[in-house]
Amino acid sequence: MGKALRNTLLRILVVVLALTAVISVISLRMQHNDLKEKAKELEDQVELLQDEVDREKAELEHPFDEEYVAKIAKEKLGLRYPQEIVIYGNSGN
């Protein structure tokens, strides 16, 4: 094998390796950006869930009196007093 052919093959190998490295770097950069975005979404979800946990904790600390029981029965179970009249409308309330 001639020296010129060996040099040409070596140059081709270097170019192929350089292109592989560039493609790998680009791919890793894209994965990094995707993971950063996913991490931000998960942090936002954690914040929302922490707010919900805080609300639930506050509700648990509320005194367990008749007014509280009536409120939970209405909100969670949809129960009403016999004398109450429920009016459904389009206002969203």
PDB file of N, CA and C in Angstrom:
ATOM      1  N   MET A   1       0.855  -1.174   0.000  1.00  0.00           N
ATOM      2  CA  MET A   1       0.000   0.000   0.000  1.00  0.00           C
ATOM      3  C   MET A   1       0.896   1.229   0.000  1.00  0.00           C
ATOM      4  N   GLY A   2       0.583   2.162  -0.904  1.00  0.00           N
ATOM      5  CA  GLY A   2       1.417   3.334  -1.037  1.00  0.00           C
ATOM      6  C   GLY A   2       1.190   4.336   0.091  1.00  0.00           C
ATOM      7  N   LYS A   3       2.187   5.174   0.302  1.00  0.00           N
ATOM      8  CA  LYS A   3       2.117   6.179   1.363  1.00  0.00           C
ATOM      9  C   LYS A   3       0.988   7.164   1.095  1.00  0.00           C
ATOM     10  N   ALA A   4       0.756   7.525  -0.146  1.00  0.00           N
ATOM     11  CA  ALA A   4      -0.311   8.469  -0.500  1.00  0.00           C
ATOM     12  C   ALA A   4      -1.680   7.871  -0.173  1.00  0.00           C
ATOM     13  N   LEU A   5      -1.865   6.581  -0.463  1.00  0.00           N
ATOM     14  CA  LEU A   5      -3.138   5.920  -0.171  1.00  0.00           C
ATOM     15  C   LEU A   5      -3.364   5.842   1.339  1.00  0.00           C
ATOM     16  N   ARG A   6      -2.308   5.555   2.074  1.00  0.00           N
ATOM     17  CA  ARG A   6      -2.418   5.482   3.524  1.00  0.00           C
ATOM     18  C   ARG A   6      -2.792   6.852   4.103  1.00  0.00           C
ATOM     19  N   ASN A   7      -2.181   7.899   3.602  1.00  0.00           N
ATOM     20  CA  ASN A   7      -2.502   9.259   4.063  1.00  0.00           C
ATOM     21  C   ASN A   7      -3.950   9.622   3.727  1.00  0.00           C
ATOM     22  N   THR A   8      -4.393   9.231   2.563  1.00  0.00           N
ATOM     23  CA  THR A   8      -5.778   9.515   2.162  1.00  0.00           C
ATOM     24  C   THR A   8      -6.754   8.769   3.071  1.00  0.00           C
ATOM     25  N   LEU A   9      -6.484   7.500   3.330  1.00  0.00           N
ATOM     26  CA  LEU A   9      -7.345   6.720   4.219  1.00  0.00           C
ATOM     27  C   LEU A   9      -7.350   7.308   5.640  1.00  0.00           C
ATOM     28  N   LEU A  10      -6.199   7.747   6.100  1.00  0.00           N
ATOM     29  CA  LEU A  10      -6.091   8.356   7.423  1.00  0.00           C
ATOM     30  C   LEU A  10      -6.906   9.649   7.481  1.00  0.00           C
ATOM     31  N   ARG A  11      -6.833  10.448   6.443  1.00  0.00           N
ATOM     32  CA  ARG A  11      -7.611  11.698   6.398  1.00  0.00           C
ATOM     33  C   ARG A  11      -9.118  11.397   6.385  1.00  0.00           C
ATOM     34  N   ILE A  12      -9.522  10.398   5.610  1.00  0.00           N
ATOM     35  CA  ILE A  12     -10.937  10.006   5.567  1.00  0.00           C
ATOM     36  C   ILE A  12     -11.391   9.563   6.946  1.00  0.00           C
ATOM     37  N   LEU A  13     -10.559   8.760   7.613  1.00  0.00           N
ATOM     38  CA  LEU A  13     -10.885   8.287   8.957  1.00  0.00           C
ATOM     39  C   LEU A  13     -11.026   9.456   9.938  1.00  0.00           C
ATOM     40  N   VAL A  14     -10.147  10.413   9.858  1.00  0.00           N
ATOM     41  CA  VAL A  14     -10.208  11.588  10.738  1.00  0.00           C
ATOM     42  C   VAL A  14     -11.482  12.388  10.467  1.00  0.00           C
ATOM     43  N   VAL A  15     -11.830  12.561   9.208  1.00  0.00           N
ATOM     44  CA  VAL A  15     -13.042  13.305   8.851  1.00  0.00           C
ATOM     45  C   VAL A  15     -14.283  12.565   9.363  1.00  0.00           C
ATOM     46  N   VAL A  16     -14.304  11.241   9.173  1.00  0.00           N
ATOM     47  CA  VAL A  16     -15.447  10.448   9.648  1.00  0.00           C
ATOM     48  C   VAL A  16     -15.563  10.553  11.164  1.00  0.00           C
ATOM     49  N   LEU A  17     -14.451  10.442  11.861  1.00  0.00           N
ATOM     50  CA  LEU A  17     -14.469  10.566  13.321  1.00  0.00           C
ATOM     51  C   LEU A  17     -14.914  11.969  13.761  1.00  0.00           C
ATOM     52  N   ALA A  18     -14.463  12.987  13.083  1.00  0.00           N
ATOM     53  CA  ALA A  18     -14.858  14.357  13.409  1.00  0.00           C
ATOM     54  C   ALA A  18     -16.352  14.554  13.187  1.00  0.00           C
ATOM     55  N   LEU A  19     -16.882  14.045  12.073  1.00  0.00           N
ATOM     56  CA  LEU A  19     -18.315  14.156  11.802  1.00  0.00           C
ATOM     57  C   LEU A  19     -19.126  13.395  12.850  1.00  0.00           C
ATOM     58  N   THR A  20     -18.640  12.225  13.242  1.00  0.00           N
ATOM     59  CA  THR A  20     -19.327  11.444  14.277  1.00  0.00           C
ATOM     60  C   THR A  20     -19.349  12.218  15.589  1.00  0.00           C
ATOM     61  N   ALA A  21     -18.233  12.842  15.924  1.00  0.00           N
ATOM     62  CA  ALA A  21     -18.160  13.625  17.156  1.00  0.00           C
ATOM     63  C   ALA A  21     -19.120  14.821  17.108  1.00  0.00           C
ATOM     64  N   VAL A  22     -19.174  15.512  15.981  1.00  0.00           N
ATOM     65  CA  VAL A  22     -20.068  16.661  15.839  1.00  0.00           C
ATOM     66  C   VAL A  22     -21.525  16.230  15.957  1.00  0.00           C
ATOM     67  N   ILE A  23     -21.870  15.149  15.293  1.00  0.00           N
ATOM     68  CA  ILE A  23     -23.247  14.642  15.356  1.00  0.00           C
ATOM     69  C   ILE A  23     -23.591  14.230  16.783  1.00  0.00           C
ATOM     70  N   SER A  24     -22.650  13.595  17.467  1.00  0.00           N
ATOM     71  CA  SER A  24     -22.886  13.191  18.858  1.00  0.00           C
ATOM     72  C   SER A  24     -23.094  14.397  19.756  1.00  0.00           C
ATOM     73  N   VAL A  25     -22.300  15.426  19.572  1.00  0.00           N
ATOM     74  CA  VAL A  25     -22.432  16.643  20.384  1.00  0.00           C
ATOM     75  C   VAL A  25     -23.793  17.298  20.138  1.00  0.00           C
ATOM     76  N   ILE A  26     -24.196  17.375  18.883  1.00  0.00           N
ATOM     77  CA  ILE A  26     -25.496  17.971  18.555  1.00  0.00           C
ATOM     78  C   ILE A  26     -26.632  17.154  19.176  1.00  0.00           C
ATOM     79  N   SER A  27     -26.523  15.839  19.066  1.00  0.00           N
ATOM     80  CA  SER A  27     -27.548  14.969  19.640  1.00  0.00           C
ATOM     81  C   SER A  27     -27.614  15.129  21.155  1.00  0.00           C
ATOM     82  N   LEU A  28     -26.475  15.159  21.805  1.00  0.00           N
ATOM     83  CA  LEU A  28     -26.442  15.332  23.260  1.00  0.00           C
ATOM     84  C   LEU A  28     -26.984  16.696  23.674  1.00  0.00           C
ATOM     85  N   ARG A  29     -26.707  17.709  22.897  1.00  0.00           N
ATOM     86  CA  ARG A  29     -27.216  19.060  23.196  1.00  0.00           C
ATOM     87  C   ARG A  29     -28.741  19.070  23.108  1.00  0.00           C
ATOM     88  N   MET A  30     -29.283  18.409  22.092  1.00  0.00           N
ATOM     89  CA  MET A  30     -30.739  18.349  21.943  1.00  0.00           C
ATOM     90  C   MET A  30     -31.361  17.573  23.102  1.00  0.00           C
ATOM     91  N   GLN A  31     -30.747  16.460  23.496  1.00  0.00           N
ATOM     92  CA  GLN A  31     -31.244  15.692  24.635  1.00  0.00           C
ATOM     93  C   GLN A  31     -31.186  16.519  25.907  1.00  0.00           C
ATOM     94  N   HIS A  32     -30.116  17.275  26.070  1.00  0.00           N
ATOM     95  CA  HIS A  32     -29.957  18.144  27.242  1.00  0.00           C
ATOM     96  C   HIS A  32     -31.075  19.181  27.305  1.00  0.00           C
ATOM     97  N   ASN A  33     -31.373  19.800  26.171  1.00  0.00           N
ATOM     98  CA  ASN A  33     -32.440  20.798  26.129  1.00  0.00           C
ATOM     99  C   ASN A  33     -33.796  20.167  26.437  1.00  0.00           C
ATOM    100  N   ASP A  34     -34.048  18.984  25.885  1.00  0.00           N
ATOM    101  CA  ASP A  34     -35.306  18.282  26.161  1.00  0.00           C
ATOM    102  C   ASP A  34     -35.431  17.952  27.646  1.00  0.00           C
ATOM    103  N   LEU A  35     -34.347  17.488  28.236  1.00  0.00           N
ATOM    104  CA  LEU A  35     -34.374  17.134  29.652  1.00  0.00           C
ATOM    105  C   LEU A  35     -34.544  18.359  30.539  1.00  0.00           C
ATOM    106  N   LYS A  36     -33.943  19.478  30.144  1.00  0.00           N
ATOM    107  CA  LYS A  36     -34.135  20.715  30.914  1.00  0.00           C
ATOM    108  C   LYS A  36     -35.598  21.145  30.877  1.00  0.00           C
ATOM    109  N   GLU A  37     -36.214  21.033  29.705  1.00  0.00           N
ATOM    110  CA  GLU A  37     -37.626  21.392  29.564  1.00  0.00           C
ATOM    111  C   GLU A  37     -38.503  20.458  30.404  1.00  0.00           C
ATOM    112  N   LYS A  38     -38.203  19.178  30.355  1.00  0.00           N
ATOM    113  CA  LYS A  38     -38.965  18.198  31.136  1.00  0.00           C
ATOM    114  C   LYS A  38     -38.788  18.462  32.638  1.00  0.00           C
ATOM    115  N   ALA A  39     -37.574  18.799  33.045  1.00  0.00           N
ATOM    116  CA  ALA A  39     -37.315  19.103  34.458  1.00  0.00           C
ATOM    117  C   ALA A  39     -38.115  20.317  34.897  1.00  0.00           C
ATOM    118  N   LYS A  40     -38.208  21.325  34.050  1.00  0.00           N
ATOM    119  CA  LYS A  40     -38.996  22.517  34.378  1.00  0.00           C
ATOM    120  C   LYS A  40     -40.470  22.157  34.534  1.00  0.00           C
ATOM    121  N   GLU A  41     -40.992  21.326  33.622  1.00  0.00           N
ATOM    122  CA  GLU A  41     -42.388  20.891  33.722  1.00  0.00           C
ATOM    123  C   GLU A  41     -42.625  20.125  35.014  1.00  0.00           C
ATOM    124  N   LEU A  42     -41.688  19.256  35.369  1.00  0.00           N
ATOM    125  CA  LEU A  42     -41.834  18.483  36.599  1.00  0.00           C
ATOM    126  C   LEU A  42     -41.740  19.372  37.836  1.00  0.00           C
ATOM    127  N   GLU A  43     -40.870  20.376  37.793  1.00  0.00           N
ATOM    128  CA  GLU A  43     -40.783  21.319  38.913  1.00  0.00           C
ATOM    129  C   GLU A  43     -42.095  22.079  39.073  1.00  0.00           C
ATOM    130  N   ASP A  44     -42.707  22.456  37.966  1.00  0.00           N
ATOM    131  CA  ASP A  44     -44.001  23.136  38.025  1.00  0.00           C
ATOM    132  C   ASP A  44     -45.067  22.222  38.620  1.00  0.00           C
ATOM    133  N   GLN A  45     -45.041  20.940  38.224  1.00  0.00           N
ATOM    134  CA  GLN A  45     -45.998  19.981  38.781  1.00  0.00           C
ATOM    135  C   GLN A  45     -45.781  19.804  40.279  1.00  0.00           C
ATOM    136  N   VAL A  46     -44.525  19.743  40.696  1.00  0.00           N
ATOM    137  CA  VAL A  46     -44.216  19.601  42.122  1.00  0.00           C
ATOM    138  C   VAL A  46     -44.755  20.793  42.888  1.00  0.00           C
ATOM    139  N   GLU A  47     -44.587  21.980  42.332  1.00  0.00           N
ATOM    140  CA  GLU A  47     -45.083  23.193  42.984  1.00  0.00           C
ATOM    141  C   GLU A  47     -46.612  23.150  43.128  1.00  0.00           C
ATOM    142  N   LEU A  48     -47.303  22.754  42.067  1.00  0.00           N
ATOM    143  CA  LEU A  48     -48.761  22.649  42.132  1.00  0.00           C
ATOM    144  C   LEU A  48     -49.200  21.609  43.156  1.00  0.00           C
ATOM    145  N   LEU A  49     -48.533  20.473  43.164  1.00  0.00           N
ATOM    146  CA  LEU A  49     -48.884  19.429  44.111  1.00  0.00           C
ATOM    147  C   LEU A  49     -48.560  19.852  45.546  1.00  0.00           C
ATOM    148  N   GLN A  50     -47.481  20.602  45.722  1.00  0.00           N
ATOM    149  CA  GLN A  50     -47.155  21.087  47.064  1.00  0.00           C
ATOM    150  C   GLN A  50     -48.222  22.058  47.548  1.00  0.00           C
ATOM    151  N   ASP A  51     -48.727  22.903  46.652  1.00  0.00           N
ATOM    152  CA  ASP A  51     -49.821  23.809  47.012  1.00  0.00           C
ATOM    153  C   ASP A  51     -51.052  23.013  47.434  1.00  0.00           C
ATOM    154  N   GLU A  52     -51.335  21.937  46.693  1.00  0.00           N
ATOM    155  CA  GLU A  52     -52.485  21.105  47.025  1.00  0.00           C
ATOM    156  C   GLU A  52     -52.284  20.425  48.388  1.00  0.00           C
ATOM    157  N   VAL A  53     -51.077  19.949  48.645  1.00  0.00           N
ATOM    158  CA  VAL A  53     -50.775  19.330  49.935  1.00  0.00           C
ATOM    159  C   VAL A  53     -50.951  20.349  51.060  1.00  0.00           C
ATOM    160  N   ASP A  54     -50.484  21.567  50.838  1.00  0.00           N
ATOM    161  CA  ASP A  54     -50.624  22.617  51.851  1.00  0.00           C
ATOM    162  C   ASP A  54     -52.097  22.911  52.131  1.00  0.00           C
ATOM    163  N   ARG A  55     -52.921  22.950  51.061  1.00  0.00           N
ATOM    164  CA  ARG A  55     -54.353  23.184  51.252  1.00  0.00           C
ATOM    165  C   ARG A  55     -54.991  22.041  52.038  1.00  0.00           C
ATOM    166  N   GLU A  56     -54.614  20.816  51.693  1.00  0.00           N
ATOM    167  CA  GLU A  56     -55.165  19.659  52.392  1.00  0.00           C
ATOM    168  C   GLU A  56     -54.731  19.641  53.857  1.00  0.00           C
ATOM    169  N   LYS A  57     -53.488  19.999  54.126  1.00  0.00           N
ATOM    170  CA  LYS A  57     -53.010  20.063  55.510  1.00  0.00           C
ATOM    171  C   LYS A  57     -53.786  21.112  56.291  1.00  0.00           C
ATOM    172  N   ALA A  58     -54.003  22.267  55.669  1.00  0.00           N
ATOM    173  CA  ALA A  58     -54.763  23.326  56.323  1.00  0.00           C
ATOM    174  C   ALA A  58     -56.183  22.857  56.610  1.00  0.00           C
ATOM    175  N   GLU A  59     -56.758  22.102  55.687  1.00  0.00           N
ATOM    176  CA  GLU A  59     -58.108  21.590  55.884  1.00  0.00           C
ATOM    177  C   GLU A  59     -58.137  20.579  57.032  1.00  0.00           C
ATOM    178  N   LEU A  60     -57.096  19.772  57.156  1.00  0.00           N
ATOM    179  CA  LEU A  60     -57.028  18.801  58.242  1.00  0.00           C
ATOM    180  C   LEU A  60     -56.884  19.484  59.605  1.00  0.00           C
ATOM    181  N   GLU A  61     -56.250  20.632  59.622  1.00  0.00           N
ATOM    182  CA  GLU A  61     -56.052  21.359  60.873  1.00  0.00           C
ATOM    183  C   GLU A  61     -57.302  22.130  61.292  1.00  0.00           C
ATOM    184  N   HIS A  62     -58.265  22.215  60.393  1.00  0.00           N
ATOM    185  CA  HIS A  62     -59.507  22.940  60.673  1.00  0.00           C
ATOM    186  C   HIS A  62     -60.276  22.209  61.760  1.00  0.00           C
ATOM    187  N   PRO A  63     -60.949  22.953  62.649  1.00  0.00           N
ATOM    188  CA  PRO A  63     -61.704  22.283  63.723  1.00  0.00           C
ATOM    189  C   PRO A  63     -62.811  21.397  63.154  1.00  0.00           C
ATOM    190  N   PHE A  64     -63.032  20.275  63.810  1.00  0.00           N
ATOM    191  CA  PHE A  64     -64.010  19.290  63.358  1.00  0.00           C
ATOM    192  C   PHE A  64     -65.349  19.581  64.041  1.00  0.00           C
ATOM    193  N   ASP A  65     -65.993  20.677  63.605  1.00  0.00           N
ATOM    194  CA  ASP A  65     -67.272  21.060  64.188  1.00  0.00           C
ATOM    195  C   ASP A  65     -68.404  20.796  63.189  1.00  0.00           C
ATOM    196  N   GLU A  66     -69.628  21.106  63.587  1.00  0.00           N
ATOM    197  CA  GLU A  66     -70.795  20.818  62.745  1.00  0.00           C
ATOM    198  C   GLU A  66     -70.735  21.583  61.423  1.00  0.00           C
ATOM    199  N   GLU A  67     -70.258  22.804  61.457  1.00  0.00           N
ATOM    200  CA  GLU A  67     -70.163  23.608  60.224  1.00  0.00           C
ATOM    201  C   GLU A  67     -69.174  22.979  59.251  1.00  0.00           C
ATOM    202  N   TYR A  68     -68.063  22.493  59.776  1.00  0.00           N
ATOM    203  CA  TYR A  68     -67.050  21.857  58.936  1.00  0.00           C
ATOM    204  C   TYR A  68     -67.598  20.567  58.319  1.00  0.00           C
ATOM    205  N   VAL A  69     -68.280  19.761  59.115  1.00  0.00           N
ATOM    206  CA  VAL A  69     -68.852  18.513  58.617  1.00  0.00           C
ATOM    207  C   VAL A  69     -69.873  18.802  57.518  1.00  0.00           C
ATOM    208  N   ALA A  70     -70.720  19.824  57.710  1.00  0.00           N
ATOM    209  CA  ALA A  70     -71.711  20.191  56.695  1.00  0.00           C
ATOM    210  C   ALA A  70     -71.023  20.648  55.410  1.00  0.00           C
ATOM    211  N   LYS A  71     -69.946  21.421  55.549  1.00  0.00           N
ATOM    212  CA  LYS A  71     -69.213  21.910  54.374  1.00  0.00           C
ATOM    213  C   LYS A  71     -68.633  20.734  53.576  1.00  0.00           C
ATOM    214  N   ILE A  72     -67.993  19.804  54.257  1.00  0.00           N
ATOM    215  CA  ILE A  72     -67.400  18.649  53.579  1.00  0.00           C
ATOM    216  C   ILE A  72     -68.491  17.786  52.948  1.00  0.00           C
ATOM    217  N   ALA A  73     -69.606  17.592  53.658  1.00  0.00           N
ATOM    218  CA  ALA A  73     -70.706  16.791  53.113  1.00  0.00           C
ATOM    219  C   ALA A  73     -71.245  17.402  51.826  1.00  0.00           C
ATOM    220  N   LYS A  74     -71.297  18.726  51.778  1.00  0.00           N
ATOM    221  CA  LYS A  74     -71.779  19.402  50.561  1.00  0.00           C
ATOM    222  C   LYS A  74     -70.751  19.313  49.435  1.00  0.00           C
ATOM    223  N   GLU A  75     -69.497  19.653  49.751  1.00  0.00           N
ATOM    224  CA  GLU A  75     -68.469  19.733  48.717  1.00  0.00           C
ATOM    225  C   GLU A  75     -68.055  18.358  48.189  1.00  0.00           C
ATOM    226  N   LYS A  76     -67.818  17.418  49.087  1.00  0.00           N
ATOM    227  CA  LYS A  76     -67.257  16.127  48.681  1.00  0.00           C
ATOM    228  C   LYS A  76     -68.321  15.091  48.329  1.00  0.00           C
ATOM    229  N   LEU A  77     -69.456  15.152  49.025  1.00  0.00           N
ATOM    230  CA  LEU A  77     -70.473  14.109  48.832  1.00  0.00           C
ATOM    231  C   LEU A  77     -71.718  14.608  48.109  1.00  0.00           C
ATOM    232  N   GLY A  78     -71.816  15.927  47.928  1.00  0.00           N
ATOM    233  CA  GLY A  78     -72.975  16.482  47.230  1.00  0.00           C
ATOM    234  C   GLY A  78     -74.252  16.436  48.060  1.00  0.00           C
ATOM    235  N   LEU A  79     -74.129  16.319  49.377  1.00  0.00           N
ATOM    236  CA  LEU A  79     -75.309  16.253  50.243  1.00  0.00           C
ATOM    237  C   LEU A  79     -75.838  17.653  50.535  1.00  0.00           C
ATOM    238  N   ARG A  80     -77.118  17.736  50.844  1.00  0.00           N
ATOM    239  CA  ARG A  80     -77.779  19.011  51.167  1.00  0.00           C
ATOM    240  C   ARG A  80     -78.732  18.775  52.334  1.00  0.00           C
ATOM    241  N   TYR A  81     -79.055  19.872  53.032  1.00  0.00           N
ATOM    242  CA  TYR A  81     -80.098  19.809  54.060  1.00  0.00           C
ATOM    243  C   TYR A  81     -81.448  19.621  53.367  1.00  0.00           C
ATOM    244  N   PRO A  82     -82.391  18.975  54.024  1.00  0.00           N
ATOM    245  CA  PRO A  82     -83.708  18.749  53.397  1.00  0.00           C
ATOM    246  C   PRO A  82     -84.406  20.046  52.978  1.00  0.00           C
ATOM    247  N   GLN A  83     -84.212  21.125  53.713  1.00  0.00           N
ATOM    248  CA  GLN A  83     -84.895  22.375  53.390  1.00  0.00           C
ATOM    249  C   GLN A  83     -84.169  23.201  52.323  1.00  0.00           C
ATOM    250  N   GLU A  84     -82.971  22.782  51.909  1.00  0.00           N
ATOM    251  CA  GLU A  84     -82.215  23.531  50.905  1.00  0.00           C
ATOM    252  C   GLU A  84     -82.769  23.279  49.510  1.00  0.00           C
ATOM    253  N   ILE A  85     -82.745  24.335  48.712  1.00  0.00           N
ATOM    254  CA  ILE A  85     -83.143  24.241  47.313  1.00  0.00           C
ATOM    255  C   ILE A  85     -81.898  24.514  46.484  1.00  0.00           C
ATOM    256  N   VAL A  86     -81.567  23.597  45.616  1.00  0.00           N
ATOM    257  CA  VAL A  86     -80.372  23.732  44.768  1.00  0.00           C
ATOM    258  C   VAL A  86     -80.833  24.197  43.403  1.00  0.00           C
ATOM    259  N   ILE A  87     -80.226  25.289  42.945  1.00  0.00           N
ATOM    260  CA  ILE A  87     -80.549  25.843  41.631  1.00  0.00           C
ATOM    261  C   ILE A  87     -79.303  25.722  40.766  1.00  0.00           C
ATOM    262  N   TYR A  88     -79.442  25.066  39.645  1.00  0.00           N
ATOM    263  CA  TYR A  88     -78.323  24.908  38.709  1.00  0.00           C
ATOM    264  C   TYR A  88     -78.490  25.926  37.597  1.00  0.00           C
ATOM    265  N   GLY A  89     -77.398  26.588  37.257  1.00  0.00           N
ATOM    266  CA  GLY A  89     -77.447  27.587  36.186  1.00  0.00           C
ATOM    267  C   GLY A  89     -76.203  27.490  35.327  1.00  0.00           C
ATOM    268  N   ASN A  90     -76.081  28.405  34.394  1.00  0.00           N
ATOM    269  CA  ASN A  90     -74.958  28.421  33.463  1.00  0.00           C
ATOM    270  C   ASN A  90     -73.830  29.318  33.939  1.00  0.00           C
ATOM    271  N   SER A  91     -73.956  29.903  35.116  1.00  0.00           N
ATOM    272  CA  SER A  91     -72.961  30.869  35.578  1.00  0.00           C
ATOM    273  C   SER A  91     -71.669  30.197  36.044  1.00  0.00           C
ATOM    274  N   GLY A  92     -71.697  28.874  36.224  1.00  0.00           N
ATOM    275  CA  GLY A  92     -70.500  28.182  36.656  1.00  0.00           C
ATOM    276  C   GLY A  92     -70.379  28.119  38.158  1.00  0.00           C
ATOM    277  N   ASN A  93     -71.321  28.636  38.889  1.00  0.00           N
ATOM    278  CA  ASN A  93     -71.263  28.607  40.363  1.00  0.00           C
ATOM    279  C   ASN A  93     -72.017  27.427  40.919  1.00  0.00           C
TER     280      ASN A  93
END
